[in-house]
Amino acid sequence: NGSISAEVPRPNSAPYTATKHAITGLTKSCALDGRAFNISCGQIDIGNAQTEMTGAMRAGITQANGSKMVEPMMDVKHVGDAVVYMASLPPSANVLRLTVMATNMPFVGRG
């Protein structure tokens, strides 16, 4: 999976952000190379899904201006629903990239 950090990174996240850029490049390359074999490839960019990995965010996460803020979270079930949707498409259709995020999280206009 990708992450919205590939589009708008968080402070002090260079290694994580670099890996998410790599996933985007790999997704696009696989989608292109898979065409000859009728194979599709898609990526889900996830933002603030409530999991064990994001547990520390409940105490607040550093923002671009250096402040800490508790950000809205979403149920990880919605990510699963998105995966099911993408997998349910016929071979003639593909979602190349899909962003699933908590509605009010600071993504658009982060910083």
Foldseek 3Di string as FASTA:
>chain_A
DAALCCVPNFPPCVVNNVVNVVVLVVLVVCQVVCVVVLDHGAEEHEAAADDPVCVVLCVFDQFPVRDTDRFDHHHCVVVVVVVVVQVPDDSVDHHRYHYDYDPPGPSPVGD
